[in-house]
Amino acid sequence: MTDEIELLETIINRNMNDSISEIGIKLKDIFGFQYSPVGVYFTENRPENASGCKSKGNGCIVPLIFSSAKGKTVAIDKDTTGFNCSAFYLGYQKWIFDGIENFLSNDVVWGREPERFIKTKEQAKAFVESFVPEELNEKVAVFKPLENFKENEKPEVVIFFANADQLSGLIYQLHYSTPDVDDLVVTRFMSACGAMVTLPFKYKSEGKLKAFWGTHDIAARLRLPKDIMTLSMPMELVYQMYEDIDESFLITENWQKIKERN
């Protein structure tokens, strides 16, 4: 275990008297979010009355995850993954589809216009290969608003749906106790579902606690409001932010004015 994770566990142990639900409610209020922070975790059983895709291979999961920010509980498993890209980035299958490297670069696949996101097929193939799961995921991915978490539930990753002002607030609050860390918030080319789920979990599994600024995905931007992007992070970083919300810039008149214009 890294010193970074040990330090954050100390923070969690010493001052987490508030429940996950209370944390979610307070964060939504103090940042002025229109949409609830969404907690993500993997479990053995599908929650009752959870929304989700009806089958495998049909439907983008981005609107589903976004619906969790509006109050719904969403569950995805190996048989209800939606599009192949979602199944791949959530670890339910080993490859997206034959020819994905052509589609990501500059060749028509199945009559569909290429996305032209990556210059060459070789680069595109190498990119996808870097996310091939070592073992297939057998668990259920659950997405739900933090304020709806029960006492026995804990999110592993939290997704914030935020506009520019709110992203600025999140990033400044993340750095409140660590102003000299230059890679606490990262971004890169990535699919929307990969940005919200895959990379935060990947970084955490490597002992790197990072917040990922995402949903730059041109293929998914039309599935979200035009002013909304995401910042996804492990719950440990949420705790770190939460520890200081009553003494940072979030209590200043300046922040109140920014919040009120949203």
C-alpha atoms as a PDB file:
ATOM      1  CA  MET A   1       0.000   0.000   0.000  1.00  0.00           C
ATOM      2  CA  THR A   2       1.314   3.443  -0.900  1.00  0.00           C
ATOM      3  CA  ASP A   3       1.912   6.253   1.594  1.00  0.00           C
ATOM      4  CA  GLU A   4      -0.708   8.242  -0.356  1.00  0.00           C
ATOM      5  CA  ILE A   5      -3.469   5.717   0.334  1.00  0.00           C
ATOM      6  CA  GLU A   6      -2.390   5.250   3.961  1.00  0.00           C
ATOM      7  CA  LEU A   7      -2.614   9.018   4.530  1.00  0.00           C
ATOM      8  CA  LEU A   8      -6.106   9.194   3.092  1.00  0.00           C
ATOM      9  CA  GLU A   9      -7.237   6.236   5.165  1.00  0.00           C
ATOM     10  CA  THR A  10      -6.080   8.160   8.243  1.00  0.00           C
ATOM     11  CA  ILE A  11      -8.241  11.101   7.141  1.00  0.00           C
ATOM     12  CA  ILE A  12     -11.225   8.789   6.664  1.00  0.00           C
ATOM     13  CA  ASN A  13     -10.822   7.117  10.046  1.00  0.00           C
ATOM     14  CA  ARG A  14     -10.477  10.332  12.010  1.00  0.00           C
ATOM     15  CA  ASN A  15     -13.336  12.402  10.716  1.00  0.00           C
ATOM     16  CA  MET A  16     -15.964  10.491   8.833  1.00  0.00           C
ATOM     17  CA  ASN A  17     -18.813  10.790  11.301  1.00  0.00           C
ATOM     18  CA  ASP A  18     -21.146  11.723   8.457  1.00  0.00           C
ATOM     19  CA  SER A  19     -22.755   8.986   6.397  1.00  0.00           C
ATOM     20  CA  ILE A  20     -22.240   8.642   2.638  1.00  0.00           C
ATOM     21  CA  SER A  21     -25.752   9.993   2.186  1.00  0.00           C
ATOM     22  CA  GLU A  22     -25.024  13.068   4.318  1.00  0.00           C
ATOM     23  CA  ILE A  23     -21.786  13.671   2.426  1.00  0.00           C
ATOM     24  CA  GLY A  24     -23.633  13.528  -0.887  1.00  0.00           C
ATOM     25  CA  ILE A  25     -26.288  15.991   0.256  1.00  0.00           C
ATOM     26  CA  LYS A  26     -23.753  18.456   1.644  1.00  0.00           C
ATOM     27  CA  LEU A  27     -21.488  18.318  -1.420  1.00  0.00           C
ATOM     28  CA  LYS A  28     -24.436  18.900  -3.741  1.00  0.00           C
ATOM     29  CA  ASP A  29     -25.463  21.925  -1.723  1.00  0.00           C
ATOM     30  CA  ILE A  30     -22.089  23.580  -1.174  1.00  0.00           C
ATOM     31  CA  PHE A  31     -20.968  23.215  -4.814  1.00  0.00           C
ATOM     32  CA  GLY A  32     -24.421  24.109  -6.133  1.00  0.00           C
ATOM     33  CA  PHE A  33     -24.697  21.027  -8.335  1.00  0.00           C
ATOM     34  CA  GLN A  34     -27.847  20.602 -10.368  1.00  0.00           C
ATOM     35  CA  TYR A  35     -27.084  16.869 -10.533  1.00  0.00           C
ATOM     36  CA  SER A  36     -26.276  14.554  -7.637  1.00  0.00           C
ATOM     37  CA  PRO A  37     -22.798  13.044  -7.237  1.00  0.00           C
ATOM     38  CA  VAL A  38     -23.025   9.417  -8.375  1.00  0.00           C
ATOM     39  CA  GLY A  39     -21.404   6.601  -6.414  1.00  0.00           C
ATOM     40  CA  VAL A  40     -20.148   3.520  -8.257  1.00  0.00           C
ATOM     41  CA  TYR A  41     -19.455   0.085  -6.823  1.00  0.00           C
ATOM     42  CA  PHE A  42     -19.380  -3.555  -7.919  1.00  0.00           C
ATOM     43  CA  THR A  43     -21.444  -6.194  -6.164  1.00  0.00           C
ATOM     44  CA  GLU A  44     -22.605  -9.787  -6.542  1.00  0.00           C
ATOM     45  CA  ASN A  45     -26.328  -9.092  -6.773  1.00  0.00           C
ATOM     46  CA  ARG A  46     -28.391  -6.702  -8.857  1.00  0.00           C
ATOM     47  CA  PRO A  47     -30.333  -4.224  -6.687  1.00  0.00           C
ATOM     48  CA  GLU A  48     -34.098  -4.502  -6.829  1.00  0.00           C
ATOM     49  CA  ASN A  49     -35.877  -2.029  -9.118  1.00  0.00           C
ATOM     50  CA  ALA A  50     -32.622  -0.871 -10.710  1.00  0.00           C
ATOM     51  CA  SER A  51     -32.747   0.582 -14.221  1.00  0.00           C
ATOM     52  CA  GLY A  52     -30.422  -0.627 -16.949  1.00  0.00           C
ATOM     53  CA  CYS A  53     -30.026  -1.879 -20.485  1.00  0.00           C
ATOM     54  CA  LYS A  54     -32.383  -4.669 -21.445  1.00  0.00           C
ATOM     55  CA  SER A  55     -29.752  -6.647 -23.314  1.00  0.00           C
ATOM     56  CA  LYS A  56     -26.161  -6.843 -24.479  1.00  0.00           C
ATOM     57  CA  GLY A  57     -25.052  -4.929 -27.555  1.00  0.00           C
ATOM     58  CA  ASN A  58     -27.781  -2.300 -27.692  1.00  0.00           C
ATOM     59  CA  GLY A  59     -27.692   1.149 -26.117  1.00  0.00           C
ATOM     60  CA  CYS A  60     -25.140   3.622 -24.759  1.00  0.00           C
ATOM     61  CA  ILE A  61     -24.705   3.575 -20.984  1.00  0.00           C
ATOM     62  CA  VAL A  62     -23.771   7.269 -20.705  1.00  0.00           C
ATOM     63  CA  PRO A  63     -27.416   8.447 -20.509  1.00  0.00           C
ATOM     64  CA  LEU A  64     -28.071   5.652 -17.996  1.00  0.00           C
ATOM     65  CA  ILE A  65     -25.220   6.753 -15.745  1.00  0.00           C
ATOM     66  CA  PHE A  66     -26.375  10.344 -16.115  1.00  0.00           C
ATOM     67  CA  SER A  67     -29.864   9.269 -15.021  1.00  0.00           C
ATOM     68  CA  SER A  68     -28.298   8.246 -11.698  1.00  0.00           C
ATOM     69  CA  ALA A  69     -27.327  11.879 -11.197  1.00  0.00           C
ATOM     70  CA  LYS A  70     -31.047  12.631 -11.512  1.00  0.00           C
ATOM     71  CA  GLY A  71     -32.027  10.128  -8.831  1.00  0.00           C
ATOM     72  CA  LYS A  72     -32.146   6.649 -10.361  1.00  0.00           C
ATOM     73  CA  THR A  73     -30.278   3.504  -9.363  1.00  0.00           C
ATOM     74  CA  VAL A  74     -28.700   1.851 -12.416  1.00  0.00           C
ATOM     75  CA  ALA A  75     -27.233  -1.641 -12.618  1.00  0.00           C
ATOM     76  CA  ILE A  76     -25.177  -3.171 -15.427  1.00  0.00           C
ATOM     77  CA  ASP A  77     -24.022  -6.778 -15.623  1.00  0.00           C
ATOM     78  CA  LYS A  78     -22.420  -9.059 -18.209  1.00  0.00           C
ATOM     79  CA  ASP A  79     -25.775  -9.715 -19.904  1.00  0.00           C
ATOM     80  CA  THR A  80     -27.031  -6.110 -19.979  1.00  0.00           C
ATOM     81  CA  THR A  81     -24.009  -4.091 -21.020  1.00  0.00           C
ATOM     82  CA  GLY A  82     -25.458  -2.068 -23.859  1.00  0.00           C
ATOM     83  CA  PHE A  83     -22.993  -1.269 -26.637  1.00  0.00           C
ATOM     84  CA  ASN A  84     -19.855  -3.361 -27.060  1.00  0.00           C
ATOM     85  CA  CYS A  85     -17.649  -0.438 -26.045  1.00  0.00           C
ATOM     86  CA  SER A  86     -19.434  -0.261 -22.680  1.00  0.00           C
ATOM     87  CA  ALA A  87     -19.050  -4.014 -22.192  1.00  0.00           C
ATOM     88  CA  PHE A  88     -15.340  -3.705 -22.938  1.00  0.00           C
ATOM     89  CA  TYR A  89     -14.560  -0.706 -20.748  1.00  0.00           C
ATOM     90  CA  LEU A  90     -16.466  -2.185 -17.810  1.00  0.00           C
ATOM     91  CA  GLY A  91     -14.486  -5.398 -18.166  1.00  0.00           C
ATOM     92  CA  TYR A  92     -17.247  -7.706 -19.411  1.00  0.00           C
ATOM     93  CA  GLN A  93     -15.596  -8.652 -22.707  1.00  0.00           C
ATOM     94  CA  LYS A  94     -12.064  -8.906 -24.065  1.00  0.00           C
ATOM     95  CA  TRP A  95     -12.443  -6.765 -27.200  1.00  0.00           C
ATOM     96  CA  ILE A  96     -14.842  -4.153 -28.552  1.00  0.00           C
ATOM     97  CA  PHE A  97     -15.437  -5.580 -32.027  1.00  0.00           C
ATOM     98  CA  ASP A  98     -13.370  -6.756 -34.987  1.00  0.00           C
ATOM     99  CA  GLY A  99     -12.184  -3.712 -36.873  1.00  0.00           C
ATOM    100  CA  ILE A 100     -12.464  -1.254 -33.994  1.00  0.00           C
ATOM    101  CA  GLU A 101      -9.024   0.087 -34.910  1.00  0.00           C
ATOM    102  CA  ASN A 102     -10.371   0.969 -38.372  1.00  0.00           C
ATOM    103  CA  PHE A 103     -13.472   2.650 -36.946  1.00  0.00           C
ATOM    104  CA  LEU A 104     -11.432   4.736 -34.485  1.00  0.00           C
ATOM    105  CA  SER A 105      -9.137   5.879 -37.303  1.00  0.00           C
ATOM    106  CA  ASN A 106     -10.282   6.354 -40.878  1.00  0.00           C
ATOM    107  CA  ASP A 107     -12.069   3.332 -42.389  1.00  0.00           C
ATOM    108  CA  VAL A 108     -15.785   2.713 -42.835  1.00  0.00           C
ATOM    109  CA  VAL A 109     -16.953  -0.241 -40.707  1.00  0.00           C
ATOM    110  CA  TRP A 110     -20.340  -1.899 -41.306  1.00  0.00           C
ATOM    111  CA  GLY A 111     -21.336   1.108 -43.396  1.00  0.00           C
ATOM    112  CA  ARG A 112     -20.681   3.543 -40.527  1.00  0.00           C
ATOM    113  CA  GLU A 113     -18.634   6.695 -40.952  1.00  0.00           C
ATOM    114  CA  PRO A 114     -15.262   6.346 -39.175  1.00  0.00           C
ATOM    115  CA  GLU A 115     -14.837   8.382 -35.997  1.00  0.00           C
ATOM    116  CA  ARG A 116     -11.388   9.686 -37.002  1.00  0.00           C
ATOM    117  CA  PHE A 117     -10.304  10.044 -33.384  1.00  0.00           C
ATOM    118  CA  ILE A 118      -6.847   8.427 -33.821  1.00  0.00           C
ATOM    119  CA  LYS A 119      -4.481   9.074 -36.711  1.00  0.00           C
ATOM    120  CA  THR A 120      -3.481   5.508 -37.610  1.00  0.00           C
ATOM    121  CA  LYS A 121      -4.989   2.052 -37.234  1.00  0.00           C
ATOM    122  CA  GLU A 122      -1.826   0.877 -35.502  1.00  0.00           C
ATOM    123  CA  GLN A 123      -2.145   3.585 -32.852  1.00  0.00           C
ATOM    124  CA  ALA A 124      -5.839   2.820 -32.411  1.00  0.00           C
ATOM    125  CA  LYS A 125      -5.228  -0.895 -31.950  1.00  0.00           C
ATOM    126  CA  ALA A 126      -2.456  -0.259 -29.411  1.00  0.00           C
ATOM    127  CA  PHE A 127      -4.749   2.080 -27.489  1.00  0.00           C
ATOM    128  CA  VAL A 128      -7.558  -0.475 -27.207  1.00  0.00           C
ATOM    129  CA  GLU A 129      -5.091  -3.245 -26.333  1.00  0.00           C
ATOM    130  CA  SER A 130      -3.910  -1.217 -23.334  1.00  0.00           C
ATOM    131  CA  PHE A 131      -7.342  -1.656 -21.725  1.00  0.00           C
ATOM    132  CA  VAL A 132      -7.950  -5.360 -22.365  1.00  0.00           C
ATOM    133  CA  PRO A 133      -9.069  -6.796 -18.990  1.00  0.00           C
ATOM    134  CA  GLU A 134      -6.861  -9.483 -17.496  1.00  0.00           C
ATOM    135  CA  GLU A 135      -9.946 -11.275 -16.188  1.00  0.00           C
ATOM    136  CA  LEU A 136     -13.538 -10.814 -17.231  1.00  0.00           C
ATOM    137  CA  ASN A 137     -15.754  -9.012 -14.763  1.00  0.00           C
ATOM    138  CA  GLU A 138     -18.479 -11.200 -13.260  1.00  0.00           C
ATOM    139  CA  LYS A 139     -19.938  -8.611 -10.890  1.00  0.00           C
ATOM    140  CA  VAL A 140     -22.733  -6.089 -11.234  1.00  0.00           C
ATOM    141  CA  ALA A 141     -21.788  -2.424 -11.675  1.00  0.00           C
ATOM    142  CA  VAL A 142     -24.108  -0.208  -9.632  1.00  0.00           C
ATOM    143  CA  PHE A 143     -24.570   3.551 -10.061  1.00  0.00           C
ATOM    144  CA  LYS A 144     -26.680   5.575  -7.626  1.00  0.00           C
ATOM    145  CA  PRO A 145     -26.818   9.069  -6.106  1.00  0.00           C
ATOM    146  CA  LEU A 146     -24.645   9.395  -3.014  1.00  0.00           C
ATOM    147  CA  GLU A 147     -27.618  10.640  -0.998  1.00  0.00           C
ATOM    148  CA  ASN A 148     -29.359   7.293  -1.618  1.00  0.00           C
ATOM    149  CA  PHE A 149     -26.560   5.136  -0.219  1.00  0.00           C
ATOM    150  CA  LYS A 150     -27.475   3.007   2.792  1.00  0.00           C
ATOM    151  CA  GLU A 151     -25.295   2.570   5.873  1.00  0.00           C
ATOM    152  CA  ASN A 152     -23.943  -0.774   4.643  1.00  0.00           C
ATOM    153  CA  GLU A 153     -23.062   0.524   1.169  1.00  0.00           C
ATOM    154  CA  LYS A 154     -19.878   2.303   0.123  1.00  0.00           C
ATOM    155  CA  PRO A 155     -18.969   3.679  -3.311  1.00  0.00           C
ATOM    156  CA  GLU A 156     -15.542   2.931  -4.703  1.00  0.00           C
ATOM    157  CA  VAL A 157     -15.621   5.788  -7.209  1.00  0.00           C
ATOM    158  CA  VAL A 158     -17.726   8.959  -7.363  1.00  0.00           C
ATOM    159  CA  ILE A 159     -18.728  10.755 -10.570  1.00  0.00           C
ATOM    160  CA  PHE A 160     -19.472  14.488 -10.458  1.00  0.00           C
ATOM    161  CA  PHE A 161     -21.478  15.978 -13.337  1.00  0.00           C
ATOM    162  CA  ALA A 162     -20.437  19.612 -13.317  1.00  0.00           C
ATOM    163  CA  ASN A 163     -20.258  22.796 -15.342  1.00  0.00           C
ATOM    164  CA  ALA A 164     -17.151  24.970 -15.683  1.00  0.00           C
ATOM    165  CA  ASP A 165     -17.665  26.887 -12.424  1.00  0.00           C
ATOM    166  CA  GLN A 166     -18.321  23.711 -10.468  1.00  0.00           C
ATOM    167  CA  LEU A 167     -15.342  21.918 -12.013  1.00  0.00           C
ATOM    168  CA  SER A 168     -13.176  24.844 -10.946  1.00  0.00           C
ATOM    169  CA  GLY A 169     -14.513  24.505  -7.414  1.00  0.00           C
ATOM    170  CA  LEU A 170     -13.897  20.761  -7.311  1.00  0.00           C
ATOM    171  CA  ILE A 171     -10.345  21.109  -8.615  1.00  0.00           C
ATOM    172  CA  TYR A 172      -9.490  23.886  -6.168  1.00  0.00           C
ATOM    173  CA  GLN A 173     -10.979  21.950  -3.269  1.00  0.00           C
ATOM    174  CA  LEU A 174      -9.017  18.840  -4.241  1.00  0.00           C
ATOM    175  CA  HIS A 175      -5.837  20.890  -4.048  1.00  0.00           C
ATOM    176  CA  TYR A 176      -6.737  22.742  -0.830  1.00  0.00           C
ATOM    177  CA  SER A 177      -4.490  20.504   1.291  1.00  0.00           C
ATOM    178  CA  THR A 178      -2.153  19.475  -1.553  1.00  0.00           C
ATOM    179  CA  PRO A 179      -1.435  22.618  -3.636  1.00  0.00           C
ATOM    180  CA  ASP A 180       1.932  21.343  -4.869  1.00  0.00           C
ATOM    181  CA  VAL A 181       0.662  18.101  -6.439  1.00  0.00           C
ATOM    182  CA  ASP A 182       0.724  18.586 -10.196  1.00  0.00           C
ATOM    183  CA  ASP A 183      -1.001  15.382 -11.319  1.00  0.00           C
ATOM    184  CA  LEU A 184      -3.882  15.018  -8.876  1.00  0.00           C
ATOM    185  CA  VAL A 185      -6.326  15.881 -11.678  1.00  0.00           C
ATOM    186  CA  VAL A 186      -5.583  14.284 -15.034  1.00  0.00           C
ATOM    187  CA  THR A 187      -7.209  14.046 -18.442  1.00  0.00           C
ATOM    188  CA  ARG A 188      -6.523  12.339 -21.743  1.00  0.00           C
ATOM    189  CA  PHE A 189      -8.223  10.804 -24.772  1.00  0.00           C
ATOM    190  CA  MET A 190     -10.781   8.291 -23.526  1.00  0.00           C
ATOM    191  CA  SER A 191     -14.293   7.055 -24.174  1.00  0.00           C
ATOM    192  CA  ALA A 192     -16.988   8.574 -21.965  1.00  0.00           C
ATOM    193  CA  CYS A 193     -17.680   5.372 -20.002  1.00  0.00           C
ATOM    194  CA  GLY A 194     -13.936   4.762 -19.723  1.00  0.00           C
ATOM    195  CA  ALA A 195     -13.458   8.266 -18.341  1.00  0.00           C
ATOM    196  CA  MET A 196     -16.212   7.881 -15.760  1.00  0.00           C
ATOM    197  CA  VAL A 197     -15.389   4.342 -14.610  1.00  0.00           C
ATOM    198  CA  THR A 198     -12.434   2.535 -16.189  1.00  0.00           C
ATOM    199  CA  LEU A 199      -9.600   4.986 -15.593  1.00  0.00           C
ATOM    200  CA  PRO A 200     -10.492   5.936 -11.992  1.00  0.00           C
ATOM    201  CA  PHE A 201     -10.628   2.246 -11.068  1.00  0.00           C
ATOM    202  CA  LYS A 202      -7.434   1.540 -13.025  1.00  0.00           C
ATOM    203  CA  TYR A 203      -5.494   4.329 -11.299  1.00  0.00           C
ATOM    204  CA  LYS A 204      -6.747   3.220  -7.899  1.00  0.00           C
ATOM    205  CA  SER A 205      -5.755  -0.408  -8.530  1.00  0.00           C
ATOM    206  CA  GLU A 206      -2.241   0.877  -9.276  1.00  0.00           C
ATOM    207  CA  GLY A 207      -2.138   2.798  -5.977  1.00  0.00           C
ATOM    208  CA  LYS A 208      -2.580   6.166  -7.723  1.00  0.00           C
ATOM    209  CA  LEU A 209      -5.371   8.305  -6.328  1.00  0.00           C
ATOM    210  CA  LYS A 210      -6.313  10.673  -9.131  1.00  0.00           C
ATOM    211  CA  ALA A 211      -9.370  12.564 -10.266  1.00  0.00           C
ATOM    212  CA  PHE A 212     -10.121  12.136 -13.962  1.00  0.00           C
ATOM    213  CA  TRP A 213     -11.626  15.026 -15.902  1.00  0.00           C
ATOM    214  CA  GLY A 214     -13.607  13.366 -18.633  1.00  0.00           C
ATOM    215  CA  THR A 215     -16.445  13.022 -21.119  1.00  0.00           C
ATOM    216  CA  HIS A 216     -14.478  14.859 -23.771  1.00  0.00           C
ATOM    217  CA  ASP A 217     -15.625  11.943 -25.966  1.00  0.00           C
ATOM    218  CA  ILE A 218     -16.933  13.496 -29.193  1.00  0.00           C
ATOM    219  CA  ALA A 219     -19.068  10.387 -29.803  1.00  0.00           C
ATOM    220  CA  ALA A 220     -20.891  10.918 -26.497  1.00  0.00           C
ATOM    221  CA  ARG A 221     -21.047  14.696 -26.038  1.00  0.00           C
ATOM    222  CA  LEU A 222     -24.552  14.904 -27.524  1.00  0.00           C
ATOM    223  CA  ARG A 223     -25.754  12.509 -24.823  1.00  0.00           C
ATOM    224  CA  LEU A 224     -25.057  15.095 -22.102  1.00  0.00           C
ATOM    225  CA  PRO A 225     -26.055  18.761 -21.664  1.00  0.00           C
ATOM    226  CA  LYS A 226     -23.598  20.921 -23.586  1.00  0.00           C
ATOM    227  CA  ASP A 227     -22.199  22.610 -20.456  1.00  0.00           C
ATOM    228  CA  ILE A 228     -21.731  19.425 -18.404  1.00  0.00           C
ATOM    229  CA  MET A 229     -18.545  17.381 -18.059  1.00  0.00           C
ATOM    230  CA  THR A 230     -17.437  14.865 -15.455  1.00  0.00           C
ATOM    231  CA  LEU A 231     -14.842  14.589 -12.744  1.00  0.00           C
ATOM    232  CA  SER A 232     -14.502  11.033 -11.445  1.00  0.00           C
ATOM    233  CA  MET A 233     -12.422  10.072  -8.436  1.00  0.00           C
ATOM    234  CA  PRO A 234     -12.003   7.353  -5.815  1.00  0.00           C
ATOM    235  CA  MET A 235     -14.048   7.815  -2.656  1.00  0.00           C
ATOM    236  CA  GLU A 236     -10.824   8.450  -0.747  1.00  0.00           C
ATOM    237  CA  LEU A 237     -10.353  11.741  -2.613  1.00  0.00           C
ATOM    238  CA  VAL A 238     -13.954  12.692  -1.908  1.00  0.00           C
ATOM    239  CA  TYR A 239     -13.223  12.230   1.794  1.00  0.00           C
ATOM    240  CA  GLN A 240     -10.140  14.409   1.455  1.00  0.00           C
ATOM    241  CA  MET A 241     -12.192  17.193  -0.132  1.00  0.00           C
ATOM    242  CA  TYR A 242     -14.973  16.809   2.380  1.00  0.00           C
ATOM    243  CA  GLU A 243     -12.666  17.132   5.375  1.00  0.00           C
ATOM    244  CA  ASP A 244     -12.048  20.824   4.661  1.00  0.00           C
ATOM    245  CA  ILE A 245     -15.270  22.102   3.111  1.00  0.00           C
ATOM    246  CA  ASP A 246     -16.161  24.160   6.198  1.00  0.00           C
ATOM    247  CA  GLU A 247     -12.932  26.158   6.169  1.00  0.00           C
ATOM    248  CA  SER A 248     -11.841  26.531   2.547  1.00  0.00           C
ATOM    249  CA  PHE A 249     -12.854  29.086  -0.116  1.00  0.00           C
ATOM    250  CA  LEU A 250     -16.233  27.313  -0.235  1.00  0.00           C
ATOM    251  CA  ILE A 251     -17.387  29.450   2.716  1.00  0.00           C
ATOM    252  CA  THR A 252     -16.324  32.753   1.139  1.00  0.00           C
ATOM    253  CA  GLU A 253     -18.490  35.432  -0.439  1.00  0.00           C
ATOM    254  CA  ASN A 254     -16.561  35.011  -3.681  1.00  0.00           C
ATOM    255  CA  TRP A 255     -17.614  31.373  -4.021  1.00  0.00           C
ATOM    256  CA  GLN A 256     -21.193  32.219  -3.070  1.00  0.00           C
ATOM    257  CA  LYS A 257     -21.374  34.701  -5.961  1.00  0.00           C
ATOM    258  CA  ILE A 258     -20.022  32.085  -8.376  1.00  0.00           C
ATOM    259  CA  LYS A 259     -22.503  29.502  -7.096  1.00  0.00           C
ATOM    260  CA  GLU A 260     -25.436  31.887  -7.377  1.00  0.00           C
ATOM    261  CA  ARG A 261     -24.844  32.609 -11.077  1.00  0.00           C
ATOM    262  CA  ASN A 262     -25.483  28.929 -11.775  1.00  0.00           C
END
